[in-house]
């Protein structure tokens, strides 16, 4: 699958921080059971890569990606762990080269029209608007759609279950990213049924957005 196909496979890509390695598999199973197959496991903790390895090996129906990639060497490590795509909060020459060498499709973060244009010059047509709400949210996405109609976005940062459908209704939005599918209290209590219910509601957002 290419980056656009992965974005279109799920209206919401959960941004997942693993604080306890024992949570990785039951969390991933709960999300997939609710219809959310595309999972972004961030490198914000030391448990990120082991979680990617465990999920990729045990849950083949999950589309496992690595998030919060900020250094070129992280791409190869993530690919070796089983990640099939990568997400970065921004884009530098070193990050772009690391992605190219690893072969992992990259969803790089941008915040301004100039950054969108620079990413496009490097060959990227699928981008992460981050942080989406501080960057201008729906107004920014609609404004960019005119002069840059060939770019599709995954806005992430400040989006909630209540606002996701509004973002998905933008013609240049393929999916959104968010952390509301994995509330910390549900993880700590092992309430996987709640996470499956949140995932099911998120999976239905595509039709709700029209």
Protein backbone atom coordinates (compact mmCIF):
# COMPACT_ATOMS: atom_id res chain seq x y z
CA UNK A 1 0.00 0.00 0.00
CA UNK A 2 1.16 3.51 -0.71
CA UNK A 3 0.71 6.40 1.73
CA UNK A 4 -2.57 7.61 0.24
CA UNK A 5 -4.05 4.11 0.32
CA UNK A 6 -3.13 3.75 3.97
CA UNK A 7 -4.67 7.13 4.78
CA UNK A 8 -7.86 6.15 2.99
CA UNK A 9 -8.02 2.83 4.85
CA UNK A 10 -9.02 4.56 8.09
CA UNK A 11 -10.82 7.87 8.71
CA UNK A 12 -8.89 8.20 11.97
CA UNK A 13 -5.29 7.19 12.60
CA UNK A 14 -4.85 6.87 16.36
CA UNK A 15 -1.68 8.45 17.71
CA UNK A 16 -0.56 5.85 20.24
CA UNK A 17 1.92 6.33 23.05
CA UNK A 18 2.89 3.09 24.77
CA UNK A 19 3.79 3.66 28.41
CA UNK A 20 3.34 0.03 29.44
CA UNK A 21 4.50 -2.68 27.00
CA UNK A 22 1.79 -5.02 28.31
CA UNK A 23 -0.80 -2.71 26.75
CA UNK A 24 0.46 -2.99 23.16
CA UNK A 25 -1.26 -6.15 21.96
CA UNK A 26 -4.62 -5.83 23.73
CA UNK A 27 -4.82 -2.18 22.68
CA UNK A 28 -4.11 -3.00 19.04
CA UNK A 29 -6.62 -5.85 19.08
CA UNK A 30 -9.27 -3.57 20.59
CA UNK A 31 -8.74 -0.93 17.90
CA UNK A 32 -8.78 -3.44 15.04
CA UNK A 33 -11.93 -5.05 16.48
CA UNK A 34 -13.60 -1.65 16.24
CA UNK A 35 -12.63 -1.21 12.60
CA UNK A 36 -9.49 0.93 13.00
CA UNK A 37 -6.64 -0.94 11.30
CA UNK A 38 -4.11 1.84 10.68
CA UNK A 39 -2.11 2.39 13.87
CA UNK A 40 0.59 5.00 14.49
CA UNK A 41 2.85 3.85 17.31
CA UNK A 42 4.96 6.81 18.40
CA UNK A 43 8.59 6.84 19.49
CA UNK A 44 7.76 9.09 22.43
CA UNK A 45 8.71 6.30 24.84
CA UNK A 46 11.27 3.50 24.79
CA UNK A 47 8.43 1.01 24.34
CA UNK A 48 7.56 2.25 20.83
CA UNK A 49 9.76 -0.03 18.73
CA UNK A 50 9.07 -3.18 20.79
CA UNK A 51 5.35 -2.45 20.51
CA UNK A 52 5.62 -2.12 16.73
CA UNK A 53 7.48 -5.44 16.58
CA UNK A 54 4.93 -7.21 18.76
CA UNK A 55 1.86 -5.85 16.96
CA UNK A 56 3.26 -6.45 13.47
CA UNK A 57 4.06 -10.06 14.35
CA UNK A 58 0.85 -10.93 16.19
CA UNK A 59 -1.85 -8.92 14.40
CA UNK A 60 -1.35 -9.19 10.63
CA UNK A 61 -4.58 -7.32 9.84
CA UNK A 62 -3.17 -4.18 11.50
CA UNK A 63 -1.37 -1.62 9.33
CA UNK A 64 1.37 -0.59 11.74
CA UNK A 65 3.27 2.65 11.36
CA UNK A 66 5.86 4.52 13.39
CA UNK A 67 5.21 8.06 14.59
CA UNK A 68 7.22 10.95 16.01
CA UNK A 69 10.14 10.14 13.73
CA UNK A 70 12.62 13.01 14.01
CA UNK A 71 15.96 11.43 13.07
CA UNK A 72 17.06 9.68 9.90
CA UNK A 73 18.33 6.55 11.66
CA UNK A 74 14.91 5.86 13.19
CA UNK A 75 13.43 4.83 9.85
CA UNK A 76 15.56 1.73 9.38
CA UNK A 77 14.99 0.61 12.97
CA UNK A 78 11.25 1.04 12.57
CA UNK A 79 11.17 -0.85 9.29
CA UNK A 80 13.15 -3.71 10.80
CA UNK A 81 10.61 -3.80 13.65
CA UNK A 82 7.77 -4.21 11.15
CA UNK A 83 6.47 -0.68 10.51
CA UNK A 84 5.05 -0.15 7.01
CA UNK A 85 4.79 3.66 7.13
CA UNK A 86 6.24 6.56 9.08
CA UNK A 87 4.94 9.86 10.40
CA UNK A 88 7.06 12.86 11.30
CA UNK A 89 6.07 16.13 13.02
CA UNK A 90 8.08 18.05 10.43
CA UNK A 91 10.35 17.61 7.43
CA UNK A 92 14.08 18.15 7.07
CA UNK A 93 16.51 17.08 4.37
CA UNK A 94 17.91 14.41 6.70
CA UNK A 95 14.46 13.03 7.52
CA UNK A 96 13.53 12.91 3.84
CA UNK A 97 16.77 11.08 3.03
CA UNK A 98 16.25 8.64 5.90
CA UNK A 99 12.79 7.82 4.62
CA UNK A 100 14.07 7.37 1.07
CA UNK A 101 16.85 5.01 2.13
CA UNK A 102 14.56 2.91 4.31
CA UNK A 103 11.83 2.66 1.69
CA UNK A 104 9.14 3.52 4.24
CA UNK A 105 6.33 5.75 2.94
CA UNK A 106 6.50 8.99 4.93
CA UNK A 107 3.73 11.30 6.07
CA UNK A 108 5.68 14.45 6.96
CA UNK A 109 4.34 17.26 9.09
CA UNK A 110 3.79 20.79 7.75
CA UNK A 111 2.22 23.91 9.23
CA UNK A 112 2.42 26.69 6.63
CA UNK A 113 1.82 27.04 2.87
CA UNK A 114 5.57 27.44 2.33
CA UNK A 115 6.23 24.17 4.13
CA UNK A 116 3.55 22.47 2.00
CA UNK A 117 5.24 23.77 -1.15
CA UNK A 118 8.68 22.63 0.01
CA UNK A 119 7.36 19.17 0.85
CA UNK A 120 5.68 18.98 -2.54
CA UNK A 121 8.96 19.88 -4.25
CA UNK A 122 10.49 16.88 -2.49
CA UNK A 123 7.80 14.66 -3.96
CA UNK A 124 5.31 14.48 -1.10
CA UNK A 125 1.62 14.82 -1.94
CA UNK A 126 0.28 13.39 1.34
CA UNK A 127 1.07 15.53 4.37
CA UNK A 128 0.27 15.83 8.05
CA UNK A 129 -1.02 19.28 9.03
CA UNK A 130 0.50 19.63 12.49
CA UNK A 131 -0.45 20.97 14.90
CA UNK A 132 -3.71 21.22 13.01
CA UNK A 133 -5.82 23.45 15.23
CA UNK A 134 -3.06 25.98 16.08
CA UNK A 135 -2.13 26.01 12.37
CA UNK A 136 -5.60 27.27 11.46
CA UNK A 137 -7.63 24.08 11.36
CA UNK A 138 -10.45 23.83 8.85
CA UNK A 139 -9.96 27.41 7.70
CA UNK A 140 -6.34 26.71 6.80
CA UNK A 141 -7.22 23.47 4.99
CA UNK A 142 -9.90 25.15 2.91
CA UNK A 143 -7.57 28.05 2.08
CA UNK A 144 -4.75 25.73 0.97
CA UNK A 145 -7.09 23.64 -1.19
CA UNK A 146 -7.34 26.41 -3.77
CA UNK A 147 -3.68 27.04 -4.67
CA UNK A 148 -2.48 23.53 -3.75
CA UNK A 149 -5.27 21.20 -4.88
CA UNK A 150 -3.02 18.17 -5.45
CA UNK A 151 -2.10 17.73 -1.77
CA UNK A 152 -4.05 15.57 0.68
CA UNK A 153 -3.79 15.98 4.43
CA UNK A 154 -4.03 14.11 7.68
CA UNK A 155 -4.63 16.96 10.14
CA UNK A 156 -3.43 16.07 13.63
CA UNK A 157 -3.25 18.05 16.84
CA UNK A 158 -6.24 19.33 18.76
CA UNK A 159 -8.83 17.25 16.88
CA UNK A 160 -11.48 15.52 18.98
CA UNK A 161 -14.29 13.05 18.48
CA UNK A 162 -16.64 16.04 18.26
CA UNK A 163 -14.69 17.88 15.55
CA UNK A 164 -13.24 15.03 13.47
CA UNK A 165 -16.20 14.80 11.07
CA UNK A 166 -15.87 18.52 10.27
CA UNK A 167 -12.25 18.02 9.28
CA UNK A 168 -13.09 14.93 7.25
CA UNK A 169 -15.62 16.93 5.26
CA UNK A 170 -12.80 19.05 3.77
CA UNK A 171 -12.08 17.95 0.22
CA UNK A 172 -8.32 17.79 0.82
CA UNK A 173 -8.50 15.65 3.98
CA UNK A 174 -8.04 11.89 3.63
CA UNK A 175 -8.06 11.11 7.35
CA UNK A 176 -7.36 12.71 10.70
CA UNK A 177 -5.00 11.82 13.51
CA UNK A 178 -5.96 11.83 17.15
CA UNK A 179 -5.32 10.45 20.60
CA UNK A 180 -8.90 10.32 21.85
CA UNK A 181 -9.23 6.65 20.86
CA UNK A 182 -6.72 5.63 23.54
CA UNK A 183 -7.61 7.48 26.77
CA UNK A 184 -5.08 6.90 29.51
CA UNK A 185 -7.64 5.85 32.10
CA UNK A 186 -8.97 3.14 29.78
CA UNK A 187 -5.44 1.86 29.19
CA UNK A 188 -4.59 1.83 32.87
CA UNK A 189 -7.77 -0.04 33.78
CA UNK A 190 -7.58 -2.43 30.81
CA UNK A 191 -10.97 -1.30 29.54
CA UNK A 192 -10.46 -2.67 26.04
CA UNK A 193 -14.22 -2.78 25.38
CA UNK A 194 -14.34 1.00 25.75
CA UNK A 195 -11.50 1.41 23.28
CA UNK A 196 -13.26 -0.88 20.80
CA UNK A 197 -16.40 1.26 21.16
CA UNK A 198 -14.39 4.44 20.53
CA UNK A 199 -12.78 2.81 17.49
CA UNK A 200 -16.16 1.73 16.15
CA UNK A 201 -17.47 5.29 16.44
CA UNK A 202 -14.33 6.61 14.73
CA UNK A 203 -14.60 4.10 11.90
CA UNK A 204 -18.13 5.39 11.21
CA UNK A 205 -16.95 8.98 10.81
CA UNK A 206 -16.25 8.62 7.09
CA UNK A 207 -19.93 8.14 6.27
CA UNK A 208 -20.91 10.80 8.82
CA UNK A 209 -18.67 13.33 7.06
CA UNK A 210 -20.45 12.62 3.78
